[in-house]
Structure formats: C-alpha cells, structure tokens
C-alpha atoms as a PDB file:
ATOM      1  CA  MET A   1       6.207  17.165 -58.143  1.00  0.00           C
ATOM      2  CA  ILE A   2       6.145  14.331 -60.683  1.00  0.00           C
ATOM      3  CA  TRP A   3       8.674  12.328 -58.655  1.00  0.00           C
ATOM      4  CA  LEU A   4       6.657  12.963 -55.504  1.00  0.00           C
ATOM      5  CA  VAL A   5       3.380  11.670 -56.951  1.00  0.00           C
ATOM      6  CA  ARG A   6       5.112   8.712 -58.588  1.00  0.00           C
ATOM      7  CA  GLY A   7       6.936   7.744 -55.391  1.00  0.00           C
ATOM      8  CA  LEU A   8       3.784   7.954 -53.278  1.00  0.00           C
ATOM      9  CA  ALA A   9       1.928   5.842 -55.853  1.00  0.00           C
ATOM     10  CA  PHE A  10       4.550   3.061 -55.798  1.00  0.00           C
ATOM     11  CA  VAL A  11       4.743   3.040 -52.001  1.00  0.00           C
ATOM     12  CA  LEU A  12       0.949   2.846 -51.841  1.00  0.00           C
ATOM     13  CA  ALA A  13       0.944  -0.014 -54.362  1.00  0.00           C
ATOM     14  CA  GLY A  14       3.512  -1.895 -52.277  1.00  0.00           C
ATOM     15  CA  LEU A  15       1.491  -1.525 -49.095  1.00  0.00           C
ATOM     16  CA  VAL A  16      -1.763  -2.585 -50.757  1.00  0.00           C
ATOM     17  CA  GLY A  17      -0.023  -5.520 -52.437  1.00  0.00           C
ATOM     18  CA  GLY A  18       1.449  -6.695 -49.135  1.00  0.00           C
ATOM     19  CA  VAL A  19      -1.929  -6.511 -47.407  1.00  0.00           C
ATOM     20  CA  ALA A  20      -3.530  -8.427 -50.287  1.00  0.00           C
ATOM     21  CA  CYS A  21      -0.949 -11.231 -50.067  1.00  0.00           C
ATOM     22  CA  VAL A  22      -1.424 -11.647 -46.319  1.00  0.00           C
ATOM     23  CA  ALA A  23      -5.218 -11.407 -46.569  1.00  0.00           C
ATOM     24  CA  LEU A  24      -5.406 -14.025 -49.329  1.00  0.00           C
ATOM     25  CA  ASN A  25      -3.186 -16.318 -47.309  1.00  0.00           C
ATOM     26  CA  GLN A  26      -5.619 -16.055 -44.378  1.00  0.00           C
ATOM     27  CA  ILE A  27      -9.009 -16.293 -46.074  1.00  0.00           C
ATOM     28  CA  SER A  28      -8.400 -18.315 -49.226  1.00  0.00           C
ATOM     29  CA  PRO A  29      -9.253 -22.038 -49.168  1.00  0.00           C
ATOM     30  CA  LEU A  30      -5.902 -22.562 -50.894  1.00  0.00           C
ATOM     31  CA  SER A  31      -3.981 -21.137 -47.938  1.00  0.00           C
ATOM     32  CA  ALA A  32      -3.157 -24.667 -46.780  1.00  0.00           C
ATOM     33  CA  LEU A  33      -0.813 -25.042 -49.777  1.00  0.00           C
ATOM     34  CA  LEU A  34       2.251 -23.838 -47.849  1.00  0.00           C
ATOM     35  CA  GLY A  35       1.151 -20.209 -47.893  1.00  0.00           C
ATOM     36  CA  ARG A  36       1.937 -19.636 -51.568  1.00  0.00           C
ATOM     37  CA  HIS A  37       0.103 -16.324 -51.541  1.00  0.00           C
ATOM     38  CA  LEU A  38       3.040 -15.011 -49.516  1.00  0.00           C
ATOM     39  CA  LEU A  39       5.233 -15.390 -52.607  1.00  0.00           C
ATOM     40  CA  GLY A  40       3.858 -12.015 -53.693  1.00  0.00           C
ATOM     41  CA  LEU A  41       5.511 -10.257 -50.761  1.00  0.00           C
ATOM     42  CA  PRO A  42       8.907  -9.841 -52.515  1.00  0.00           C
ATOM     43  CA  LEU A  43       7.161  -7.969 -55.338  1.00  0.00           C
ATOM     44  CA  ALA A  44       5.368  -5.763 -52.809  1.00  0.00           C
ATOM     45  CA  GLY A  45       8.681  -5.103 -51.069  1.00  0.00           C
ATOM     46  CA  ALA A  46      10.283  -4.200 -54.396  1.00  0.00           C
ATOM     47  CA  LEU A  47       7.509  -1.665 -55.035  1.00  0.00           C
ATOM     48  CA  LEU A  48       8.121  -0.144 -51.597  1.00  0.00           C
ATOM     49  CA  TRP A  49      11.843   0.064 -52.282  1.00  0.00           C
ATOM     50  CA  PHE A  50      11.368   1.635 -55.723  1.00  0.00           C
ATOM     51  CA  GLY A  51       8.827   4.121 -54.362  1.00  0.00           C
ATOM     52  CA  ALA A  52      11.137   5.157 -51.516  1.00  0.00           C
ATOM     53  CA  ALA A  53      14.032   5.511 -53.982  1.00  0.00           C
ATOM     54  CA  THR A  54      11.847   7.724 -56.173  1.00  0.00           C
ATOM     55  CA  LEU A  55      10.913   9.911 -53.206  1.00  0.00           C
ATOM     56  CA  ARG A  56      14.616  10.443 -52.493  1.00  0.00           C
ATOM     57  CA  ARG A  57      14.784  12.514 -55.681  1.00  0.00           C
ATOM     58  CA  VAL A  58      12.441  15.041 -54.068  1.00  0.00           C
ATOM     59  CA  THR A  59      14.565  17.404 -51.967  1.00  0.00           C
ATOM     60  CA  THR A  60      12.534  20.634 -51.886  1.00  0.00           C
ATOM     61  CA  PRO A  61      10.643  20.098 -48.571  1.00  0.00           C
ATOM     62  CA  GLY A  62      13.869  20.370 -46.552  1.00  0.00           C
ATOM     63  CA  GLY A  63      16.117  18.461 -44.187  1.00  0.00           C
ATOM     64  CA  ALA A  64      13.419  16.797 -42.079  1.00  0.00           C
ATOM     65  CA  TRP A  65      11.820  15.438 -45.251  1.00  0.00           C
ATOM     66  CA  ARG A  66      15.156  14.067 -46.521  1.00  0.00           C
ATOM     67  CA  ALA A  67      15.824  12.364 -43.182  1.00  0.00           C
ATOM     68  CA  ALA A  68      12.364  10.737 -43.195  1.00  0.00           C
ATOM     69  CA  VAL A  69      12.804   9.585 -46.808  1.00  0.00           C
ATOM     70  CA  ARG A  70      16.224   8.122 -45.978  1.00  0.00           C
ATOM     71  CA  ARG A  71      14.742   6.087 -43.134  1.00  0.00           C
ATOM     72  CA  CYS A  72      11.915   4.909 -45.408  1.00  0.00           C
ATOM     73  CA  PHE A  73      14.413   3.896 -48.079  1.00  0.00           C
ATOM     74  CA  TRP A  74      16.568   1.734 -45.807  1.00  0.00           C
ATOM     75  CA  SER A  75      13.605   0.146 -44.047  1.00  0.00           C
ATOM     76  CA  ALA A  76      12.016  -0.569 -47.451  1.00  0.00           C
ATOM     77  CA  MET A  77      15.280  -2.222 -48.501  1.00  0.00           C
ATOM     78  CA  GLY A  78      15.059  -4.434 -45.429  1.00  0.00           C
ATOM     79  CA  VAL A  79      11.455  -5.337 -46.236  1.00  0.00           C
ATOM     80  CA  CYS A  80      12.370  -6.177 -49.828  1.00  0.00           C
ATOM     81  CA  PHE A  81      15.315  -8.448 -49.035  1.00  0.00           C
ATOM     82  CA  LEU A  82      13.760 -10.147 -45.989  1.00  0.00           C
ATOM     83  CA  SER A  83      10.289 -10.694 -47.464  1.00  0.00           C
ATOM     84  CA  PRO A  84      11.076 -14.221 -48.828  1.00  0.00           C
ATOM     85  CA  PHE A  85      11.520 -15.368 -45.232  1.00  0.00           C
ATOM     86  CA  ALA A  86       7.789 -14.831 -44.647  1.00  0.00           C
ATOM     87  CA  TYR A  87       7.079 -17.689 -47.046  1.00  0.00           C
ATOM     88  CA  LEU A  88      10.032 -19.788 -45.893  1.00  0.00           C
ATOM     89  CA  TRP A  89       9.080 -19.444 -42.223  1.00  0.00           C
ATOM     90  CA  HIS A  90       5.463 -20.260 -43.019  1.00  0.00           C
ATOM     91  CA  SER A  91       6.653 -23.464 -44.696  1.00  0.00           C
ATOM     92  CA  ALA A  92       9.031 -24.455 -41.869  1.00  0.00           C
ATOM     93  CA  PRO A  93       8.235 -22.491 -38.680  1.00  0.00           C
ATOM     94  CA  SER A  94      10.404 -24.732 -36.503  1.00  0.00           C
ATOM     95  CA  VAL A  95      13.692 -23.607 -38.084  1.00  0.00           C
ATOM     96  CA  ASP A  96      15.362 -21.012 -35.857  1.00  0.00           C
ATOM     97  CA  TYR A  97      17.219 -19.337 -38.735  1.00  0.00           C
ATOM     98  CA  LEU A  98      13.974 -18.696 -40.608  1.00  0.00           C
ATOM     99  CA  SER A  99      12.223 -17.494 -37.458  1.00  0.00           C
ATOM    100  CA  PHE A 100      15.049 -15.068 -36.723  1.00  0.00           C
ATOM    101  CA  ASN A 101      14.923 -13.519 -40.203  1.00  0.00           C
ATOM    102  CA  PHE A 102      11.123 -13.482 -40.198  1.00  0.00           C
ATOM    103  CA  ALA A 103      11.263 -11.469 -36.970  1.00  0.00           C
ATOM    104  CA  PHE A 104      13.603  -8.992 -38.668  1.00  0.00           C
ATOM    105  CA  PHE A 105      11.198  -8.783 -41.610  1.00  0.00           C
ATOM    106  CA  ASN A 106       8.373  -7.830 -39.245  1.00  0.00           C
ATOM    107  CA  LEU A 107      10.627  -5.286 -37.537  1.00  0.00           C
ATOM    108  CA  SER A 108      11.595  -3.713 -40.880  1.00  0.00           C
ATOM    109  CA  SER A 109       7.931  -3.559 -41.893  1.00  0.00           C
ATOM    110  CA  ALA A 110       6.965  -1.842 -38.630  1.00  0.00           C
ATOM    111  CA  VAL A 111       9.791   0.693 -38.998  1.00  0.00           C
ATOM    112  CA  PHE A 112       8.767   1.422 -42.579  1.00  0.00           C
ATOM    113  CA  VAL A 113       5.111   1.969 -41.677  1.00  0.00           C
ATOM    114  CA  CYS A 114       6.011   4.377 -38.854  1.00  0.00           C
ATOM    115  CA  ASN A 115       8.452   6.271 -41.079  1.00  0.00           C
ATOM    116  CA  ALA A 116       5.844   6.507 -43.860  1.00  0.00           C
ATOM    117  CA  ASN A 117       3.531   8.289 -41.437  1.00  0.00           C
ATOM    118  CA  ARG A 118       6.350  10.638 -40.432  1.00  0.00           C
ATOM    119  CA  LEU A 119       7.036  11.290 -44.126  1.00  0.00           C
ATOM    120  CA  THR A 120       3.406  12.214 -44.732  1.00  0.00           C
ATOM    121  CA  TYR A 121       3.477  14.523 -41.720  1.00  0.00           C
ATOM    122  CA  GLN A 122       6.496  16.360 -43.162  1.00  0.00           C
ATOM    123  CA  LEU A 123       4.688  16.637 -46.491  1.00  0.00           C
ATOM    124  CA  GLY A 124       1.637  18.151 -44.779  1.00  0.00           C
ATOM    125  CA  GLU A 125       3.879  20.671 -42.995  1.00  0.00           C
ATOM    126  CA  PHE A 126       5.508  21.598 -46.309  1.00  0.00           C
ATOM    127  CA  TYR A 127       2.157  22.073 -48.020  1.00  0.00           C
ATOM    128  CA  GLY A 128       0.784  24.028 -45.061  1.00  0.00           C
ATOM    129  CA  ASP A 129      -2.114  21.560 -45.029  1.00  0.00           C
ATOM    130  CA  ARG A 130      -3.123  21.375 -41.376  1.00  0.00           C
ATOM    131  CA  LEU A 131      -5.635  18.578 -41.930  1.00  0.00           C
ATOM    132  CA  LEU A 132      -3.087  16.302 -43.636  1.00  0.00           C
ATOM    133  CA  ALA A 133      -0.566  16.974 -40.869  1.00  0.00           C
ATOM    134  CA  VAL A 134      -3.129  16.144 -38.161  1.00  0.00           C
ATOM    135  CA  LEU A 135      -4.175  12.969 -39.968  1.00  0.00           C
ATOM    136  CA  ALA A 136      -0.537  11.918 -40.324  1.00  0.00           C
ATOM    137  CA  ARG A 137       0.187  12.575 -36.662  1.00  0.00           C
ATOM    138  CA  GLY A 138      -2.918  10.632 -35.598  1.00  0.00           C
ATOM    139  CA  SER A 139      -2.022   7.730 -37.890  1.00  0.00           C
ATOM    140  CA  GLU A 140       1.532   7.720 -36.530  1.00  0.00           C
ATOM    141  CA  LEU A 141       0.303   7.557 -32.934  1.00  0.00           C
ATOM    142  CA  PHE A 142      -2.144   4.798 -33.884  1.00  0.00           C
ATOM    143  CA  CYS A 143       0.660   2.769 -35.469  1.00  0.00           C
ATOM    144  CA  TYR A 144       2.957   3.167 -32.461  1.00  0.00           C
ATOM    145  CA  GLY A 145       0.135   2.280 -30.063  1.00  0.00           C
ATOM    146  CA  THR A 146      -1.091  -0.741 -32.021  1.00  0.00           C
ATOM    147  CA  LEU A 147       2.380  -2.186 -32.607  1.00  0.00           C
ATOM    148  CA  SER A 148       3.380  -1.632 -28.979  1.00  0.00           C
ATOM    149  CA  PHE A 149       0.190  -3.351 -27.832  1.00  0.00           C
ATOM    150  CA  ALA A 150       0.862  -6.315 -30.134  1.00  0.00           C
ATOM    151  CA  VAL A 151       4.413  -6.747 -28.831  1.00  0.00           C
ATOM    152  CA  ALA A 152       3.379  -6.360 -25.184  1.00  0.00           C
ATOM    153  CA  ALA A 153       0.464  -8.766 -25.570  1.00  0.00           C
ATOM    154  CA  SER A 154       2.716 -11.346 -27.233  1.00  0.00           C
ATOM    155  CA  VAL A 155       5.322 -11.119 -24.480  1.00  0.00           C
ATOM    156  CA  VAL A 156       2.747 -11.317 -21.681  1.00  0.00           C
ATOM    157  CA  GLY A 157       0.847 -14.121 -23.426  1.00  0.00           C
ATOM    158  CA  THR A 158       4.034 -16.133 -23.893  1.00  0.00           C
ATOM    159  CA  TRP A 159       4.931 -15.729 -20.222  1.00  0.00           C
ATOM    160  CA  ILE A 160       1.433 -16.777 -19.093  1.00  0.00           C
ATOM    161  CA  VAL A 161       1.384 -19.830 -21.352  1.00  0.00           C
ATOM    162  CA  ALA A 162       4.887 -20.866 -20.251  1.00  0.00           C
ATOM    163  CA  ALA A 163       3.996 -20.506 -16.563  1.00  0.00           C
ATOM    164  CA  HIS A 164       0.591 -22.186 -16.859  1.00  0.00           C
ATOM    165  CA  GLU A 165       1.550 -25.088 -19.115  1.00  0.00           C
ATOM    166  CA  GLY A 166       5.031 -25.583 -17.700  1.00  0.00           C
ATOM    167  CA  VAL A 167       6.745 -25.530 -21.098  1.00  0.00           C
ATOM    168  CA  ALA A 168       9.807 -23.767 -22.474  1.00  0.00           C
ATOM    169  CA  ILE A 169       9.651 -20.376 -24.169  1.00  0.00           C
ATOM    170  CA  GLY A 170       9.797 -21.912 -27.634  1.00  0.00           C
ATOM    171  CA  GLY A 171       6.877 -24.201 -26.892  1.00  0.00           C
ATOM    172  CA  ALA A 172       4.903 -21.342 -25.357  1.00  0.00           C
ATOM    173  CA  VAL A 173       5.444 -19.253 -28.503  1.00  0.00           C
ATOM    174  CA  ASP A 174       4.211 -22.123 -30.669  1.00  0.00           C
ATOM    175  CA  LEU A 175       1.089 -22.563 -28.533  1.00  0.00           C
ATOM    176  CA  LEU A 176       0.397 -18.813 -28.565  1.00  0.00           C
ATOM    177  CA  LEU A 177       0.759 -18.609 -32.349  1.00  0.00           C
ATOM    178  CA  ALA A 178      -1.520 -21.598 -32.837  1.00  0.00           C
ATOM    179  CA  ALA A 179      -4.222 -20.006 -30.678  1.00  0.00           C
ATOM    180  CA  CYS A 180      -3.915 -16.307 -31.553  1.00  0.00           C
ATOM    181  CA  TRP A 181      -2.311 -16.154 -35.004  1.00  0.00           C
ATOM    182  CA  PRO A 182      -5.385 -14.655 -36.819  1.00  0.00           C
ATOM    183  CA  TRP A 183      -5.686 -11.947 -34.155  1.00  0.00           C
ATOM    184  CA  LEU A 184      -1.981 -11.106 -34.370  1.00  0.00           C
ATOM    185  CA  VAL A 185      -2.247 -10.828 -38.150  1.00  0.00           C
ATOM    186  CA  ALA A 186      -5.263  -8.510 -37.846  1.00  0.00           C
ATOM    187  CA  ILE A 187      -3.484  -6.300 -35.316  1.00  0.00           C
ATOM    188  CA  GLY A 188      -0.385  -6.165 -37.506  1.00  0.00           C
ATOM    189  CA  MET A 189      -2.341  -5.322 -40.650  1.00  0.00           C
ATOM    190  CA  ALA A 190      -4.335  -2.485 -39.042  1.00  0.00           C
ATOM    191  CA  PRO A 191      -1.442   0.051 -39.049  1.00  0.00           C
ATOM    192  CA  VAL A 192      -0.576  -0.905 -42.638  1.00  0.00           C
ATOM    193  CA  CYS A 193      -4.155  -0.281 -43.818  1.00  0.00           C
ATOM    194  CA  VAL A 194      -4.362   3.056 -41.980  1.00  0.00           C
ATOM    195  CA  THR A 195      -1.025   4.127 -43.480  1.00  0.00           C
ATOM    196  CA  ALA A 196      -2.169   3.092 -46.968  1.00  0.00           C
ATOM    197  CA  ALA A 197      -5.288   5.258 -46.591  1.00  0.00           C
ATOM    198  CA  LEU A 198      -3.118   8.157 -45.432  1.00  0.00           C
ATOM    199  CA  LEU A 199      -0.772   7.771 -48.414  1.00  0.00           C
ATOM    200  CA  TRP A 200      -3.778   7.698 -50.751  1.00  0.00           C
ATOM    201  CA  THR A 201      -4.881  11.038 -49.298  1.00  0.00           C
ATOM    202  CA  ALA A 202      -1.367  12.483 -49.608  1.00  0.00           C
ATOM    203  CA  LYS A 203      -1.110  11.298 -53.226  1.00  0.00           C
ATOM    204  CA  ALA A 204      -4.499  12.813 -54.079  1.00  0.00           C
ATOM    205  CA  ILE A 205      -3.503  16.142 -52.532  1.00  0.00           C
ATOM    206  CA  SER A 206      -0.153  16.128 -54.335  1.00  0.00           C
ATOM    207  CA  LEU A 207      -1.829  15.270 -57.638  1.00  0.00           C
ATOM    208  CA  ALA A 208      -4.357  18.087 -57.176  1.00  0.00           C
ATOM    209  CA  ARG A 209      -1.518  20.541 -56.520  1.00  0.00           C
ATOM    210  CA  PHE A 210       0.311  19.267 -59.592  1.00  0.00           C
ATOM    211  CA  GLU A 211      -2.767  19.848 -61.747  1.00  0.00           C
ATOM    212  CA  ALA A 212      -3.222  23.315 -60.224  1.00  0.00           C
ATOM    213  CA  LEU A 213       0.379  24.206 -61.096  1.00  0.00           C
ATOM    214  CA  ALA A 214      -0.120  22.908 -64.630  1.00  0.00           C
ATOM    215  CA  ASN A 215      -3.283  24.968 -65.067  1.00  0.00           C
ATOM    216  CA  ALA A 216      -1.565  28.048 -63.640  1.00  0.00           C
ATOM    217  CA  SER A 217       1.267  27.694 -66.150  1.00  0.00           C
ATOM    218  CA  GLU A 218      -1.249  27.519 -69.007  1.00  0.00           C
ATOM    219  CA  THR A 219      -3.316  30.510 -67.855  1.00  0.00           C
ATOM    220  CA  PRO A 220      -0.961  33.334 -69.065  1.00  0.00           C
ATOM    221  CA  SER A 221      -0.892  31.960 -72.603  1.00  0.00           C
ATOM    222  CA  ASP A 222      -4.692  31.736 -72.586  1.00  0.00           C
ATOM    223  CA  HIS A 223      -4.918  35.401 -71.639  1.00  0.00           C
ATOM    224  CA  LEU A 224      -2.432  36.400 -74.358  1.00  0.00           C
ATOM    225  CA  ALA A 225      -4.260  34.462 -77.083  1.00  0.00           C
ATOM    226  CA  PRO A 226      -6.878  37.189 -77.791  1.00  0.00           C
ATOM    227  CA  ILE A 227      -4.110  39.811 -77.954  1.00  0.00           C
ATOM    228  CA  LYS A 228      -2.195  37.774 -80.520  1.00  0.00           C
ATOM    229  CA  GLU A 229      -5.354  37.430 -82.639  1.00  0.00           C
ATOM    230  CA  ARG A 230      -5.789  41.196 -82.681  1.00  0.00           C
END
C-alpha cells in the first residue's frame, strides 16, 4: 500500500508539473524568451517515470493491473526522454528532426494519460469502489474523445488551409499553428488536468484505506491493554 500511494503521488506531481510548465509558457510575459518554462518538462517526465516504476512494485491487484502499469511505465519513459524536444522544437520549429521527435513526445504523453486512466479503473475494480471505477471510465472516454477531436480537427484544418491558400502541407501546418496554437494547447491540456484530478481522488482513497488498515492493526493491542493492566 505504501508503494501504491507513493507511486500515485509521484505520477500526480509529474502531471501537475507538466501542466504548470506549459501554462507558464503560455501566460507569462517571459514566454517570448524561447519558451524557457518548457525546460521544466524533463523534470516532470522524470517524476512520471519514477512514479510508474514505483507502481510496478505493486502486484496484488492482478494481471490487468500489471499490464496497465507496464504500459504506463514505458510511455512515461518515452515522455521523460523526449521531453527536451518540446523546448528544442519551440526554439526552432522549422527543423524537421525536432518536429518529428516533438510529435513523438505528444504521442507518448497521450498514451500515458490514457493508460493512467485505465490504471485508475483497475484500481477501482480492485477496491470494489464503484464510484472510482465509473469516474475512471468517464475520464478515459473523455481523454479518447478530446484527443481524437484534436487530431481530426488538426488534419481537417490543415487540409482546408492548404486547399484555400494554395500552399504545401508544411506551410499549411505553420499557418494553422500560428492561428490556433492556444486552442490546441488548451484541448491538449484538458485530458491531463482531468487525469490529474482522477489520480488525486485515487491517491486520497488509497491513503484513507492505508490509514484504516493501520488503525485496524492497532485496535487489538488497544483492547488487550486493560487486560494486561489487570
């Protein structure tokens, strides 16, 4: 139970840290300085990776839980190692190599968020907590729907811009990003924030169960204390 609470706490810290870095880069007046707030993303990715590695030590919930944790671990590894490309691409968005790796960073982040929801669902099933399981399933569907909408809207928007302006795909992508970048960031951050709230709930439930187990283990000795005094 200790490893479970600790792993959920580190994963939650990584998600919140990643959202904070992106949010500061969007709203801070210093965001024009080459997006230096994004330099915190590697630390957030490291927290995700460490949290997922900690959760791998928890094996009691069963095979479905272990499979979900394994997927979270490898996707968190991808987020951790590809996160520097978010800053590098922001500094030089015209370089194809950086754009390619930045796309893989976004893909790894999306896979991790979806797997984190699946992990929480398995935890709710193990606890027999119907409310947590329903919340996890709803959050998972929201993440799939939001991310699918973002991808579809980007593809359709790129095609419309390319056909209307008569430019190549690369130029259409640049025009679309220049016009809709804040909206794309908001859509991408929504699943992360919902997943962070879900993990906070799962951590609180796990911590409450841990405290209940600790109190239950102390109760027999409390009952035997008066007998020992006699």
